[in-house]
């Protein structure tokens, strides 16, 4: 399960989970409908610092980005989620 994976699609749902520890960054969770396979939803988890713009992060936390295009690159985790190392978000 160590191979890199790329997901291109649209954001269905999103939220920001606060860190449990004071030295950890918040975690962003995206539900993504892959382009061409919208029923094969992928859960993408990423460190909030991968989002370059604080306004974007706030919008993602408030579900204001549904339908927005996203590309996530990362590794599939044992639970089937994608642990993103790179995010490209488009308004």
C-alpha atoms as a PDB file:
ATOM      1  CA  UNK A   1       0.000   0.000   0.000  1.00  0.00           C
ATOM      2  CA  UNK A   2       2.975   2.320  -0.386  1.00  0.00           C
ATOM      3  CA  UNK A   3       2.409   3.443  -3.986  1.00  0.00           C
ATOM      4  CA  UNK A   4       1.638   7.073  -4.779  1.00  0.00           C
ATOM      5  CA  UNK A   5      -1.906   7.845  -5.855  1.00  0.00           C
ATOM      6  CA  UNK A   6      -3.401  10.856  -7.635  1.00  0.00           C
ATOM      7  CA  UNK A   7      -7.070  11.794  -7.289  1.00  0.00           C
ATOM      8  CA  UNK A   8      -8.646  14.426  -9.559  1.00  0.00           C
ATOM      9  CA  UNK A   9     -12.239  15.319  -8.875  1.00  0.00           C
ATOM     10  CA  UNK A  10     -14.721  17.534  -7.079  1.00  0.00           C
ATOM     11  CA  UNK A  11     -15.143  18.195  -3.372  1.00  0.00           C
ATOM     12  CA  UNK A  12     -18.354  16.664  -2.033  1.00  0.00           C
ATOM     13  CA  UNK A  13     -17.817  17.525   1.633  1.00  0.00           C
ATOM     14  CA  UNK A  14     -15.024  18.965   3.740  1.00  0.00           C
ATOM     15  CA  UNK A  15     -14.156  19.767   7.326  1.00  0.00           C
ATOM     16  CA  UNK A  16     -11.218  20.706   9.516  1.00  0.00           C
ATOM     17  CA  UNK A  17     -10.499  18.636  12.602  1.00  0.00           C
ATOM     18  CA  UNK A  18      -8.635  20.430  15.375  1.00  0.00           C
ATOM     19  CA  UNK A  19      -5.444  18.851  16.588  1.00  0.00           C
ATOM     20  CA  UNK A  20      -5.531  16.831  19.758  1.00  0.00           C
ATOM     21  CA  UNK A  21      -2.117  18.068  20.840  1.00  0.00           C
ATOM     22  CA  UNK A  22      -0.870  21.629  21.183  1.00  0.00           C
ATOM     23  CA  UNK A  23       2.100  21.014  18.870  1.00  0.00           C
ATOM     24  CA  UNK A  24       0.106  19.393  16.039  1.00  0.00           C
ATOM     25  CA  UNK A  25      -1.499  21.194  13.109  1.00  0.00           C
ATOM     26  CA  UNK A  26      -5.213  20.823  12.381  1.00  0.00           C
ATOM     27  CA  UNK A  27      -6.187  18.110   9.900  1.00  0.00           C
ATOM     28  CA  UNK A  28      -8.248  18.705   6.777  1.00  0.00           C
ATOM     29  CA  UNK A  29     -10.616  15.978   5.562  1.00  0.00           C
ATOM     30  CA  UNK A  30     -12.109  16.043   2.065  1.00  0.00           C
ATOM     31  CA  UNK A  31     -14.641  13.728   0.490  1.00  0.00           C
ATOM     32  CA  UNK A  32     -13.784  13.737  -3.215  1.00  0.00           C
ATOM     33  CA  UNK A  33     -15.782  12.378  -6.163  1.00  0.00           C
ATOM     34  CA  UNK A  34     -13.127  11.326  -8.692  1.00  0.00           C
ATOM     35  CA  UNK A  35     -13.572  12.634 -12.243  1.00  0.00           C
ATOM     36  CA  UNK A  36     -15.178   9.949 -14.380  1.00  0.00           C
ATOM     37  CA  UNK A  37     -16.045   7.791 -11.328  1.00  0.00           C
ATOM     38  CA  UNK A  38     -18.144  10.041  -9.083  1.00  0.00           C
ATOM     39  CA  UNK A  39     -19.633   7.114  -7.154  1.00  0.00           C
ATOM     40  CA  UNK A  40     -16.156   5.920  -6.085  1.00  0.00           C
ATOM     41  CA  UNK A  41     -15.778   8.568  -3.369  1.00  0.00           C
ATOM     42  CA  UNK A  42     -12.292   8.968  -1.904  1.00  0.00           C
ATOM     43  CA  UNK A  43     -11.574  10.330   1.573  1.00  0.00           C
ATOM     44  CA  UNK A  44      -8.508  12.580   1.529  1.00  0.00           C
ATOM     45  CA  UNK A  45      -6.764  13.563   4.756  1.00  0.00           C
ATOM     46  CA  UNK A  46      -4.150  16.314   4.795  1.00  0.00           C
ATOM     47  CA  UNK A  47      -2.345  18.587   7.171  1.00  0.00           C
ATOM     48  CA  UNK A  48      -4.035  21.987   7.100  1.00  0.00           C
ATOM     49  CA  UNK A  49      -0.728  23.642   6.237  1.00  0.00           C
ATOM     50  CA  UNK A  50      -0.953  22.102   2.733  1.00  0.00           C
ATOM     51  CA  UNK A  51      -3.667  24.684   2.010  1.00  0.00           C
ATOM     52  CA  UNK A  52      -1.767  27.827   0.981  1.00  0.00           C
ATOM     53  CA  UNK A  53      -4.543  30.299   1.735  1.00  0.00           C
ATOM     54  CA  UNK A  54      -6.247  30.820   5.108  1.00  0.00           C
ATOM     55  CA  UNK A  55      -9.444  31.910   3.325  1.00  0.00           C
ATOM     56  CA  UNK A  56      -9.546  28.563   1.517  1.00  0.00           C
ATOM     57  CA  UNK A  57      -9.068  26.718   4.794  1.00  0.00           C
ATOM     58  CA  UNK A  58     -11.931  28.633   6.406  1.00  0.00           C
ATOM     59  CA  UNK A  59     -14.188  27.938   3.410  1.00  0.00           C
ATOM     60  CA  UNK A  60     -13.300  24.230   3.517  1.00  0.00           C
ATOM     61  CA  UNK A  61     -14.126  24.135   7.214  1.00  0.00           C
ATOM     62  CA  UNK A  62     -17.494  25.801   6.581  1.00  0.00           C
ATOM     63  CA  UNK A  63     -18.478  23.602   3.595  1.00  0.00           C
ATOM     64  CA  UNK A  64     -18.330  26.563   1.195  1.00  0.00           C
ATOM     65  CA  UNK A  65     -16.293  24.665  -1.411  1.00  0.00           C
ATOM     66  CA  UNK A  66     -18.643  21.883  -2.474  1.00  0.00           C
ATOM     67  CA  UNK A  67     -18.194  21.126  -6.158  1.00  0.00           C
ATOM     68  CA  UNK A  68     -14.791  22.818  -6.339  1.00  0.00           C
ATOM     69  CA  UNK A  69     -12.124  20.964  -8.324  1.00  0.00           C
ATOM     70  CA  UNK A  70      -9.285  19.373  -6.383  1.00  0.00           C
ATOM     71  CA  UNK A  71      -6.230  17.285  -7.139  1.00  0.00           C
ATOM     72  CA  UNK A  72      -4.685  15.336  -4.275  1.00  0.00           C
ATOM     73  CA  UNK A  73      -1.438  13.390  -4.394  1.00  0.00           C
ATOM     74  CA  UNK A  74      -0.464  11.017  -1.627  1.00  0.00           C
ATOM     75  CA  UNK A  75      -0.364   7.461  -0.363  1.00  0.00           C
ATOM     76  CA  UNK A  76      -3.274   5.160   0.323  1.00  0.00           C
ATOM     77  CA  UNK A  77      -3.513   4.269   4.024  1.00  0.00           C
ATOM     78  CA  UNK A  78      -4.579   0.904   5.413  1.00  0.00           C
ATOM     79  CA  UNK A  79      -8.055   2.287   6.124  1.00  0.00           C
ATOM     80  CA  UNK A  80      -8.437   3.158   2.409  1.00  0.00           C
ATOM     81  CA  UNK A  81      -8.108   6.927   2.886  1.00  0.00           C
ATOM     82  CA  UNK A  82      -5.561   8.964   0.941  1.00  0.00           C
ATOM     83  CA  UNK A  83      -2.907  10.675   3.077  1.00  0.00           C
ATOM     84  CA  UNK A  84      -2.198  13.718   0.912  1.00  0.00           C
ATOM     85  CA  UNK A  85       1.265  15.179   0.548  1.00  0.00           C
ATOM     86  CA  UNK A  86       0.132  17.722  -2.079  1.00  0.00           C
ATOM     87  CA  UNK A  87      -3.187  19.478  -2.701  1.00  0.00           C
ATOM     88  CA  UNK A  88      -4.178  21.682  -5.625  1.00  0.00           C
ATOM     89  CA  UNK A  89      -7.436  23.539  -5.083  1.00  0.00           C
ATOM     90  CA  UNK A  90      -9.286  25.610  -7.708  1.00  0.00           C
ATOM     91  CA  UNK A  91     -12.176  27.985  -7.185  1.00  0.00           C
END
